[in-house]
N, C-alpha and C. Protein backbone atom coordinates (compact mmCIF):
# COMPACT_ATOMS: atom_id res chain seq x y z
N MET A 1 -250.37 149.90 61.04
CA MET A 1 -250.95 148.95 62.10
C MET A 1 -252.45 148.72 61.82
N LEU A 2 -253.38 149.16 60.57
CA LEU A 2 -254.31 148.36 60.21
C LEU A 2 -254.10 147.21 59.21
N GLN A 3 -252.92 147.15 58.70
CA GLN A 3 -252.86 146.25 57.67
C GLN A 3 -252.20 144.99 58.67
N THR A 4 -251.59 145.10 59.65
CA THR A 4 -250.81 144.29 60.54
C THR A 4 -252.00 143.48 61.12
N PHE A 5 -252.98 144.63 61.35
CA PHE A 5 -254.22 143.74 62.06
C PHE A 5 -254.90 142.90 61.11
N LEU A 6 -255.16 143.62 59.78
CA LEU A 6 -255.82 142.44 59.24
C LEU A 6 -255.26 141.40 58.26
N ARG A 7 -253.92 141.64 58.32
CA ARG A 7 -253.11 140.22 57.91
C ARG A 7 -253.44 139.47 58.74
N LYS A 8 -253.16 139.88 60.29
CA LYS A 8 -253.39 138.61 61.41
C LYS A 8 -254.51 138.07 61.31
N LEU A 9 -255.91 138.88 61.09
CA LEU A 9 -257.36 138.81 61.43
C LEU A 9 -257.52 137.76 60.23
N GLY A 10 -256.63 137.80 59.01
CA GLY A 10 -256.86 136.92 57.79
C GLY A 10 -256.27 135.50 57.83
N HIS A 11 -255.05 135.70 58.78
CA HIS A 11 -254.12 134.40 59.16
C HIS A 11 -254.98 133.47 60.49
N VAL A 12 -255.69 134.36 61.18
CA VAL A 12 -256.48 133.65 62.01
C VAL A 12 -258.20 132.77 61.33
N ALA A 13 -258.54 133.76 60.37
CA ALA A 13 -259.65 132.94 59.46
C ALA A 13 -259.15 132.01 58.64
N LEU A 14 -257.75 131.93 58.04
CA LEU A 14 -257.31 130.81 57.06
C LEU A 14 -256.75 129.73 58.04
N THR A 15 -256.44 130.04 59.21
CA THR A 15 -256.37 129.07 60.00
C THR A 15 -257.44 128.24 60.37
N PHE A 16 -258.41 128.93 60.70
CA PHE A 16 -259.79 128.40 60.96
C PHE A 16 -260.32 127.50 59.93
N LEU A 17 -260.65 128.20 58.65
CA LEU A 17 -261.18 127.65 57.62
C LEU A 17 -260.24 126.31 57.34
N VAL A 18 -259.00 126.16 57.56
CA VAL A 18 -258.01 125.06 57.23
C VAL A 18 -258.43 124.02 58.07
N PHE A 19 -258.64 124.43 59.57
CA PHE A 19 -258.99 123.50 60.66
C PHE A 19 -260.37 122.69 60.49
N VAL A 20 -261.25 123.49 60.00
CA VAL A 20 -262.49 122.91 59.48
C VAL A 20 -262.31 122.12 58.39
N TYR A 21 -261.40 122.47 57.17
CA TYR A 21 -261.41 121.72 55.97
C TYR A 21 -260.66 120.26 56.75
N ILE A 22 -259.57 120.43 57.37
CA ILE A 22 -258.87 118.95 57.94
C ILE A 22 -259.98 118.06 58.59
N ILE A 23 -260.77 118.85 59.60
CA ILE A 23 -261.66 117.85 60.23
C ILE A 23 -262.79 117.13 59.39
N PHE A 24 -263.05 118.04 58.44
CA PHE A 24 -264.01 117.37 57.54
C PHE A 24 -263.63 116.11 56.42
N GLU A 25 -262.21 116.73 56.29
CA GLU A 25 -261.78 115.51 55.52
C GLU A 25 -261.18 114.31 56.14
N GLU A 26 -260.51 114.60 57.54
CA GLU A 26 -260.34 113.66 58.25
C GLU A 26 -261.54 112.65 58.74
N LEU A 27 -262.34 113.42 59.73
CA LEU A 27 -263.45 112.62 60.17
C LEU A 27 -264.61 112.26 59.17
N VAL A 28 -265.06 113.18 58.41
CA VAL A 28 -266.12 113.18 57.57
C VAL A 28 -266.13 112.15 56.63
N TRP A 29 -264.88 112.62 55.35
CA TRP A 29 -264.81 111.94 54.19
C TRP A 29 -264.03 110.78 54.84
N GLU A 30 -262.78 110.50 55.38
CA GLU A 30 -261.99 109.47 55.59
C GLU A 30 -262.76 108.34 56.46
N THR A 31 -263.62 108.59 57.06
CA THR A 31 -264.05 107.57 58.35
C THR A 31 -265.62 107.33 57.66
N ILE A 32 -266.17 108.15 57.40
CA ILE A 32 -267.95 107.77 56.80
C ILE A 32 -268.16 107.93 55.43
N ALA A 33 -267.90 109.07 54.79
CA ALA A 33 -268.18 109.26 53.40
C ALA A 33 -267.69 108.09 52.40
N LYS A 34 -266.34 108.07 52.50
CA LYS A 34 -265.47 107.13 51.80
C LYS A 34 -265.80 105.95 51.83
N PRO A 35 -265.87 105.13 52.97
CA PRO A 35 -266.25 104.05 53.07
C PRO A 35 -267.67 103.84 52.22
N ILE A 36 -268.74 104.77 52.51
CA ILE A 36 -270.14 104.75 51.86
C ILE A 36 -270.01 104.70 50.49
N TYR A 37 -269.09 105.85 49.83
CA TYR A 37 -268.98 105.87 48.30
C TYR A 37 -268.36 104.37 47.58
N GLU A 38 -267.37 103.69 48.44
CA GLU A 38 -266.91 102.76 47.80
C GLU A 38 -267.93 101.39 48.16
N PHE A 39 -268.67 101.39 49.19
CA PHE A 39 -269.77 100.40 49.04
C PHE A 39 -270.72 100.67 47.99
N LEU A 40 -271.29 101.85 47.49
CA LEU A 40 -272.22 102.43 46.49
C LEU A 40 -271.12 101.68 45.36
N HIS A 41 -270.09 102.12 45.23
CA HIS A 41 -269.66 102.01 43.80
C HIS A 41 -269.35 100.07 43.70
N SER A 42 -269.59 99.46 44.82
CA SER A 42 -269.35 98.04 44.75
C SER A 42 -270.44 97.30 44.32
N LEU A 43 -271.90 97.91 44.79
CA LEU A 43 -273.12 97.58 44.33
C LEU A 43 -273.31 96.67 43.12
N LYS A 44 -273.76 95.79 42.66
CA LYS A 44 -273.66 95.33 41.48
C LYS A 44 -275.06 96.21 40.64
N ILE A 45 -276.24 96.07 41.80
CA ILE A 45 -277.39 97.26 40.99
C ILE A 45 -277.04 98.46 40.47
N LEU A 46 -276.01 99.27 41.46
CA LEU A 46 -275.56 100.61 41.14
C LEU A 46 -274.75 100.50 39.77
N GLN A 47 -274.05 99.45 39.69
CA GLN A 47 -273.61 99.35 38.16
C GLN A 47 -274.36 99.41 36.76
N HIS A 48 -275.58 98.94 37.28
CA HIS A 48 -276.46 98.59 36.29
C HIS A 48 -277.13 100.21 36.11
N VAL A 49 -277.19 101.00 37.43
CA VAL A 49 -277.72 102.51 37.34
C VAL A 49 -276.51 103.16 36.67
N GLU A 50 -275.58 103.11 36.79
CA GLU A 50 -274.12 103.82 35.96
C GLU A 50 -274.18 103.58 34.14
N VAL A 51 -275.04 102.73 34.03
CA VAL A 51 -275.14 102.33 32.43
C VAL A 51 -276.12 103.24 32.31
N LEU A 52 -277.32 103.75 33.07
CA LEU A 52 -278.36 104.30 32.80
C LEU A 52 -277.75 105.84 32.63
N ILE A 53 -276.99 105.97 33.76
CA ILE A 53 -276.89 107.35 33.69
C ILE A 53 -275.72 107.87 32.93
N HIS A 54 -275.18 107.17 31.94
CA HIS A 54 -274.35 107.29 31.19
C HIS A 54 -275.05 107.52 29.82
N LYS A 55 -276.17 107.04 29.80
CA LYS A 55 -277.14 107.07 28.89
C LYS A 55 -278.24 108.53 28.74
N LEU A 56 -277.97 109.38 30.12
CA LEU A 56 -279.05 110.19 30.20
C LEU A 56 -278.27 111.71 29.35
N HIS A 57 -279.02 112.45 28.99
CA HIS A 57 -278.54 113.70 28.34
C HIS A 57 -277.98 114.81 29.43
N ARG A 58 -276.85 115.33 29.07
CA ARG A 58 -276.14 116.16 29.94
C ARG A 58 -276.51 117.12 30.58
N THR A 59 -277.94 117.70 30.11
CA THR A 59 -278.36 118.81 30.86
C THR A 59 -279.76 118.11 31.91
N ILE A 60 -279.81 116.95 31.60
CA ILE A 60 -280.59 116.15 32.64
C ILE A 60 -280.00 115.81 33.82
N LEU A 61 -278.55 115.17 33.39
CA LEU A 61 -277.74 114.88 34.19
C LEU A 61 -277.05 115.99 35.22
N LEU A 62 -277.12 117.56 34.57
CA LEU A 62 -276.40 118.38 35.18
C LEU A 62 -277.76 118.65 36.45
N ILE A 63 -278.79 118.56 36.24
CA ILE A 63 -280.27 119.05 37.05
C ILE A 63 -280.01 118.18 37.93
N ILE A 64 -279.91 117.13 37.85
CA ILE A 64 -279.88 115.81 38.93
C ILE A 64 -278.86 115.80 39.93
N PHE A 65 -277.73 116.34 39.30
CA PHE A 65 -276.69 116.72 40.06
C PHE A 65 -276.59 117.68 40.87
N LEU A 66 -276.98 118.98 40.26
CA LEU A 66 -276.98 120.34 41.30
C LEU A 66 -278.28 120.01 42.17
N ILE A 67 -279.22 119.31 41.75
CA ILE A 67 -280.49 119.35 43.26
C ILE A 67 -279.68 118.65 44.58
N LEU A 68 -279.07 117.19 43.82
CA LEU A 68 -278.84 116.90 45.03
C LEU A 68 -277.33 117.82 45.52
N PHE A 69 -276.47 117.84 44.66
CA PHE A 69 -275.53 118.96 45.42
C PHE A 69 -276.02 119.84 46.50
N ILE A 70 -276.91 120.97 45.69
CA ILE A 70 -277.54 122.18 46.66
C ILE A 70 -278.22 121.30 48.07
N GLN A 71 -279.10 120.20 47.73
CA GLN A 71 -279.42 119.79 48.94
C GLN A 71 -278.60 119.56 50.00
N VAL A 72 -277.27 119.03 49.37
CA VAL A 72 -276.46 118.52 50.56
C VAL A 72 -275.75 119.73 51.06
N GLU A 73 -275.50 120.75 50.31
CA GLU A 73 -274.70 122.01 51.01
C GLU A 73 -275.50 122.54 51.96
N LEU A 74 -277.00 122.93 51.45
CA LEU A 74 -278.15 123.69 52.45
C LEU A 74 -278.11 122.87 53.81
N LEU A 75 -278.13 121.57 53.57
CA LEU A 75 -278.24 120.63 54.70
C LEU A 75 -277.02 120.97 55.89
N GLY A 76 -276.02 120.68 55.03
CA GLY A 76 -274.69 121.54 55.93
C GLY A 76 -274.87 122.71 56.90
N PHE A 77 -275.43 123.65 55.94
CA PHE A 77 -275.49 124.93 56.41
C PHE A 77 -276.25 124.65 57.83
N VAL A 78 -277.49 124.30 57.37
CA VAL A 78 -278.69 124.18 58.25
C VAL A 78 -278.00 123.48 59.73
N ALA A 79 -277.20 122.32 59.51
CA ALA A 79 -276.76 121.39 60.62
C ALA A 79 -275.76 122.35 61.48
N VAL A 80 -275.03 123.23 60.67
CA VAL A 80 -274.15 124.06 61.56
C VAL A 80 -275.14 125.34 62.54
N ALA A 81 -276.01 125.78 61.52
CA ALA A 81 -276.76 126.72 62.31
C ALA A 81 -277.31 126.18 63.56
N LEU A 82 -277.76 124.87 63.28
CA LEU A 82 -278.61 124.33 64.73
C LEU A 82 -277.41 124.27 65.68
N VAL A 83 -276.18 123.56 65.31
CA VAL A 83 -274.92 123.68 66.49
C VAL A 83 -274.81 125.10 66.94
N ALA A 84 -274.74 126.09 66.15
CA ALA A 84 -274.68 127.49 66.95
C ALA A 84 -275.60 128.04 67.53
N LYS A 85 -276.91 127.48 67.35
CA LYS A 85 -277.98 127.93 68.09
C LYS A 85 -278.00 126.95 69.56
N GLY A 86 -277.41 126.04 69.72
CA GLY A 86 -276.88 125.26 70.81
C GLY A 86 -277.89 124.23 70.56
N GLN A 87 -278.12 123.61 69.63
CA GLN A 87 -279.03 122.48 69.29
C GLN A 87 -278.19 121.16 68.43
N ALA A 88 -276.85 120.90 69.58
CA ALA A 88 -275.87 120.20 68.77
C ALA A 88 -276.25 118.81 68.50
N VAL A 89 -277.05 118.18 69.18
CA VAL A 89 -277.68 116.97 68.71
C VAL A 89 -278.27 116.77 67.42
N SER A 90 -279.36 117.72 67.32
CA SER A 90 -279.62 117.91 66.28
C SER A 90 -279.04 118.10 64.86
N GLY A 91 -278.09 119.20 65.20
CA GLY A 91 -277.02 119.58 64.25
C GLY A 91 -276.28 118.57 63.97
N VAL A 92 -275.64 117.63 64.62
CA VAL A 92 -274.85 116.50 64.36
C VAL A 92 -275.61 115.41 63.65
N LEU A 93 -276.79 115.01 64.15
CA LEU A 93 -277.35 114.16 63.66
C LEU A 93 -278.02 114.50 61.98
N LEU A 94 -278.36 115.83 61.92
CA LEU A 94 -278.48 116.07 60.61
C LEU A 94 -277.55 115.89 59.59
N TYR A 95 -276.35 116.68 60.32
CA TYR A 95 -275.14 116.32 59.15
C TYR A 95 -274.71 114.97 59.06
N LEU A 96 -274.80 114.28 60.03
CA LEU A 96 -274.47 112.45 59.69
C LEU A 96 -275.68 112.12 58.70
N GLY A 97 -277.00 112.81 58.72
CA GLY A 97 -277.79 112.12 57.85
C GLY A 97 -277.75 112.53 56.55
N LYS A 98 -276.80 113.75 56.23
CA LYS A 98 -276.86 114.27 54.75
C LYS A 98 -275.62 113.38 54.46
N ILE A 99 -274.92 112.77 55.26
CA ILE A 99 -273.52 112.02 54.34
C ILE A 99 -273.81 110.97 53.65
N PRO A 100 -275.04 110.19 53.75
CA PRO A 100 -275.22 109.16 52.56
C PRO A 100 -275.67 110.00 51.23
N VAL A 101 -276.01 110.95 51.60
CA VAL A 101 -276.88 111.37 50.50
C VAL A 101 -275.53 112.02 49.49
N GLY A 102 -274.67 112.98 50.22
CA GLY A 102 -273.20 113.83 49.61
C GLY A 102 -272.54 112.37 49.06
N ALA A 103 -272.37 110.98 49.84
CA ALA A 103 -271.40 109.86 49.52
C ALA A 103 -272.17 109.73 47.94
N PHE A 104 -273.37 109.45 47.50
CA PHE A 104 -274.20 109.51 46.57
C PHE A 104 -273.90 110.48 45.50
N THR A 105 -274.06 111.49 45.78
CA THR A 105 -273.78 112.78 45.04
C THR A 105 -272.32 112.61 44.21
N PHE A 106 -271.30 112.84 45.29
CA PHE A 106 -269.82 112.43 44.98
C PHE A 106 -269.71 111.07 43.77
N TRP A 107 -270.44 110.17 44.04
CA TRP A 107 -270.36 108.98 43.01
C TRP A 107 -271.03 109.34 41.82
N LEU A 108 -272.36 110.34 41.81
CA LEU A 108 -272.81 110.44 40.75
C LEU A 108 -271.97 111.56 40.02
N PHE A 109 -271.11 112.21 40.74
CA PHE A 109 -270.11 113.21 39.94
C PHE A 109 -269.17 112.40 39.40
N ARG A 110 -268.69 111.32 40.07
CA ARG A 110 -267.28 110.65 39.85
C ARG A 110 -267.45 110.16 38.28
N ILE A 111 -268.89 109.48 38.43
CA ILE A 111 -269.24 108.77 37.34
C ILE A 111 -269.58 109.51 35.65
N SER A 112 -270.17 110.68 35.90
CA SER A 112 -270.72 111.47 35.04
C SER A 112 -269.67 112.64 34.79
N LYS A 113 -268.62 113.05 35.44
CA LYS A 113 -267.45 113.52 35.34
C LYS A 113 -267.54 114.31 33.85
N ASP A 114 -267.47 113.34 33.05
CA ASP A 114 -267.03 113.88 31.72
C ASP A 114 -268.04 114.56 31.05
N LYS A 115 -269.47 114.43 31.28
CA LYS A 115 -270.45 115.06 30.54
C LYS A 115 -270.68 116.27 31.27
N LEU A 116 -270.56 116.19 32.65
CA LEU A 116 -270.61 117.48 33.61
C LEU A 116 -269.76 118.62 33.10
N MET A 117 -268.53 118.38 32.75
CA MET A 117 -267.44 119.42 32.29
C MET A 117 -267.58 120.10 30.99
N THR A 118 -268.49 119.23 30.30
CA THR A 118 -268.67 119.78 28.76
C THR A 118 -269.63 121.12 28.94
N PHE A 119 -270.26 121.62 29.98
CA PHE A 119 -270.64 122.70 30.42
C PHE A 119 -269.04 123.83 30.54
N GLY A 120 -269.53 124.72 30.06
CA GLY A 120 -268.05 125.64 30.43
C GLY A 120 -267.99 126.42 31.85
N TRP A 121 -269.36 126.76 32.27
CA TRP A 121 -269.24 127.53 33.38
C TRP A 121 -269.00 126.45 34.70
N PHE A 122 -269.40 125.17 34.49
CA PHE A 122 -269.22 124.38 35.49
C PHE A 122 -268.09 123.73 35.58
N LYS A 123 -267.20 123.57 34.40
CA LYS A 123 -265.74 123.21 34.35
C LYS A 123 -265.11 124.50 34.97
N ALA A 124 -265.52 125.55 34.81
CA ALA A 124 -264.71 126.68 35.12
C ALA A 124 -265.02 126.95 36.66
N SER A 125 -266.03 126.30 37.30
CA SER A 125 -266.31 126.44 38.41
C SER A 125 -265.97 125.84 39.29
N TYR A 126 -265.50 124.03 38.62
CA TYR A 126 -264.74 123.12 39.39
C TYR A 126 -263.33 123.32 39.37
N ASP A 127 -262.73 123.87 38.22
CA ASP A 127 -261.46 124.34 38.37
C ASP A 127 -261.18 125.40 39.34
N PHE A 128 -261.63 126.25 39.46
CA PHE A 128 -261.55 127.20 40.58
C PHE A 128 -261.69 126.51 41.74
N VAL A 129 -262.65 125.63 42.15
CA VAL A 129 -262.82 125.36 43.43
C VAL A 129 -261.35 124.30 43.69
N MET A 130 -260.99 123.65 42.78
CA MET A 130 -259.88 122.65 42.86
C MET A 130 -258.48 123.47 42.96
N ARG A 131 -258.27 124.70 42.40
CA ARG A 131 -257.25 125.62 42.52
C ARG A 131 -257.27 126.47 43.89
N VAL A 132 -258.34 126.50 44.37
CA VAL A 132 -258.51 126.79 45.78
C VAL A 132 -258.03 125.65 46.95
N ILE A 133 -258.57 124.50 46.72
CA ILE A 133 -258.18 123.82 47.73
C ILE A 133 -256.87 123.09 47.53
N ASP A 134 -256.06 123.18 46.28
CA ASP A 134 -254.65 123.24 46.07
C ASP A 134 -253.70 124.21 46.96
N LYS A 135 -254.66 125.38 46.73
CA LYS A 135 -253.68 126.32 47.46
C LYS A 135 -253.76 125.98 48.82
N ILE A 136 -255.12 125.64 49.51
CA ILE A 136 -254.94 125.67 51.17
C ILE A 136 -253.99 124.47 51.09
N LYS A 137 -253.99 123.32 50.59
CA LYS A 137 -253.23 122.20 50.71
C LYS A 137 -251.63 122.51 50.99
N ALA A 138 -251.32 123.53 50.07
CA ALA A 138 -249.81 124.05 49.57
C ALA A 138 -249.55 125.22 50.92
N SER A 139 -250.33 125.54 51.66
CA SER A 139 -250.04 126.45 52.70
C SER A 139 -249.39 126.20 53.76
N GLU A 140 -248.65 126.86 54.68
CA GLU A 140 -247.99 126.61 55.60
C GLU A 140 -248.79 126.04 56.69
N ILE A 141 -249.72 126.84 57.02
CA ILE A 141 -251.09 126.67 57.49
C ILE A 141 -251.49 125.26 57.60
N TYR A 142 -251.99 124.98 56.36
CA TYR A 142 -252.46 123.37 56.38
C TYR A 142 -251.28 122.63 56.72
N GLN A 143 -250.17 122.33 56.38
CA GLN A 143 -249.00 121.45 56.73
C GLN A 143 -249.03 121.19 58.01
N ASP A 144 -248.56 122.41 58.99
CA ASP A 144 -248.86 122.39 60.15
C ASP A 144 -250.03 121.72 60.90
N ILE A 145 -251.05 121.92 60.52
CA ILE A 145 -252.18 121.72 61.23
C ILE A 145 -252.51 120.05 61.11
N LYS A 146 -252.15 119.85 59.85
CA LYS A 146 -252.21 118.10 59.23
C LYS A 146 -251.46 117.69 59.96
N ASN A 147 -250.03 117.97 59.89
CA ASN A 147 -248.92 117.26 60.96
C ASN A 147 -249.67 116.96 62.48
N ARG A 148 -249.88 118.08 63.00
CA ARG A 148 -250.47 118.18 64.36
C ARG A 148 -251.47 117.10 64.31
N ALA A 149 -252.77 117.28 63.56
CA ALA A 149 -253.62 116.35 63.70
C ALA A 149 -253.27 114.77 63.33
N LYS A 150 -252.49 114.79 62.53
CA LYS A 150 -251.70 112.99 62.27
C LYS A 150 -251.41 112.48 63.68
N THR A 151 -250.50 113.35 64.63
CA THR A 151 -249.68 113.32 65.56
C THR A 151 -251.22 113.24 66.74
N ILE A 152 -251.85 113.62 66.58
CA ILE A 152 -253.08 113.41 67.97
C ILE A 152 -253.89 112.06 67.28
N LYS A 153 -253.91 111.75 66.28
CA LYS A 153 -254.85 110.84 65.82
C LYS A 153 -253.97 109.42 66.07
N SER A 154 -252.80 109.69 65.90
CA SER A 154 -251.37 107.99 66.39
C SER A 154 -251.73 108.22 67.35
N TYR A 155 -251.65 109.45 68.50
CA TYR A 155 -251.84 109.07 70.00
C TYR A 155 -252.90 108.38 70.37
N ILE A 156 -254.45 108.90 69.58
CA ILE A 156 -255.57 108.30 70.02
C ILE A 156 -255.21 106.86 69.74
N LYS A 157 -255.09 106.63 68.67
CA LYS A 157 -254.90 105.24 68.34
C LYS A 157 -253.90 104.60 69.25
N ALA A 158 -252.95 104.65 69.39
CA ALA A 158 -252.37 104.07 70.27
C ALA A 158 -252.27 103.70 71.57
N ASN A 159 -253.21 105.05 72.24
CA ASN A 159 -253.69 104.97 73.69
C ASN A 159 -254.93 104.81 74.26
N PHE A 160 -255.95 104.64 72.96
CA PHE A 160 -257.29 104.49 73.31
C PHE A 160 -258.11 103.31 72.30
N LEU A 161 -257.68 103.27 71.19
CA LEU A 161 -258.27 102.46 70.22
C LEU A 161 -257.46 101.26 70.25
N GLN A 162 -256.65 100.92 70.79
CA GLN A 162 -255.65 99.38 70.77
C GLN A 162 -256.81 98.68 71.23
N GLY A 163 -256.88 97.16 71.11
CA GLY A 163 -257.35 95.95 71.83
C GLY A 163 -258.76 96.11 71.12
N ARG A 164 -259.37 94.89 72.08
CA ARG A 164 -260.67 94.87 72.20
C ARG A 164 -261.41 95.63 73.20
N GLY A 165 -262.41 95.67 73.55
CA GLY A 165 -263.25 96.37 74.41
C GLY A 165 -264.54 97.13 74.21
N ASN A 166 -265.12 97.72 75.10
CA ASN A 166 -266.37 98.51 74.93
C ASN A 166 -265.93 99.92 74.43
N ILE A 167 -266.40 100.11 72.87
CA ILE A 167 -266.63 101.35 72.23
C ILE A 167 -266.89 102.77 73.12
N LYS A 168 -267.77 102.31 73.89
CA LYS A 168 -268.33 103.38 74.92
C LYS A 168 -267.43 103.94 75.76
N GLU A 169 -266.91 103.05 76.41
CA GLU A 169 -265.71 103.09 77.47
C GLU A 169 -264.45 103.78 76.58
N LYS A 170 -264.28 103.51 75.67
CA LYS A 170 -262.93 104.15 74.37
C LYS A 170 -263.31 105.53 74.41
N ILE A 171 -264.31 106.03 73.75
CA ILE A 171 -264.98 107.06 73.71
C ILE A 171 -264.68 108.18 74.90
N LYS A 172 -265.14 107.42 76.00
CA LYS A 172 -265.26 108.25 77.32
C LYS A 172 -263.82 108.47 77.58
N LYS A 173 -262.82 107.52 77.56
CA LYS A 173 -261.49 108.14 77.78
C LYS A 173 -261.09 108.79 77.00
N ILE A 174 -260.99 108.70 75.70
CA ILE A 174 -260.77 109.81 74.70
C ILE A 174 -261.28 111.24 75.32
N TYR A 175 -262.84 111.45 75.56
CA TYR A 175 -263.33 112.53 75.84
C TYR A 175 -262.40 112.88 77.25
N GLN A 176 -262.50 112.29 78.08
CA GLN A 176 -262.00 112.53 79.32
C GLN A 176 -260.05 113.44 79.11
N SER A 177 -259.74 112.58 78.49
CA SER A 177 -258.34 113.05 78.17
C SER A 177 -258.37 114.34 77.25
N ILE A 178 -259.08 114.47 76.62
CA ILE A 178 -259.46 115.72 75.83
C ILE A 178 -259.65 116.92 76.97
N LYS A 179 -260.63 116.60 77.55
CA LYS A 179 -260.85 117.69 78.83
C LYS A 179 -259.98 117.81 79.37
N GLU A 180 -259.17 116.76 79.83
CA GLU A 180 -257.69 117.48 80.97
C GLU A 180 -256.75 118.17 80.18
N ILE A 181 -256.59 118.12 78.54
CA ILE A 181 -256.07 118.94 77.97
C ILE A 181 -256.43 120.45 77.88
N PHE A 182 -257.58 120.53 77.84
CA PHE A 182 -258.24 121.97 77.79
C PHE A 182 -258.26 122.59 78.95
N LYS A 183 -258.11 121.74 79.96
CA LYS A 183 -257.89 122.19 81.70
C LYS A 183 -256.60 123.09 81.85
N LYS A 184 -255.57 122.49 81.20
CA LYS A 184 -254.23 123.12 81.26
C LYS A 184 -254.02 124.49 80.76
């Protein structure tokens, strides 16, 4: 009985984590961070910065990357804490504010990955995280939630985001529809 309860509790926790991962992947990465990353990557001035970064000693590069990465992750935790405390607007604004720094950090990682991977512990940590992400993406829960999210996304695009119009009105319409779904 305890094993069944723990298994169900684990299933609920995994479902929640997968759901959060998909939300951040879809909303934050695809909608906000990826376009920022692509914009940064296209800037001529940053192409010159890339050359300078490649000349940096690997330890200096690691320190810069870790400072940025830790800062971005801590800001994410603070943002979630603010939302949990009922300060949703502050939490969301803080989270949105960290996205450009996160995109820059991702850009830095991408252009310096070869040097960063020369640190054994860093490579092992990266490989571990990638295995966990691959395991999550291969899970039935992930596939189910991803398919549902795709259906909802298509529904919203087809019913609310077509044509011209006031974005405020479109968001209001989406909000009202979601509110109706949760009333049922």
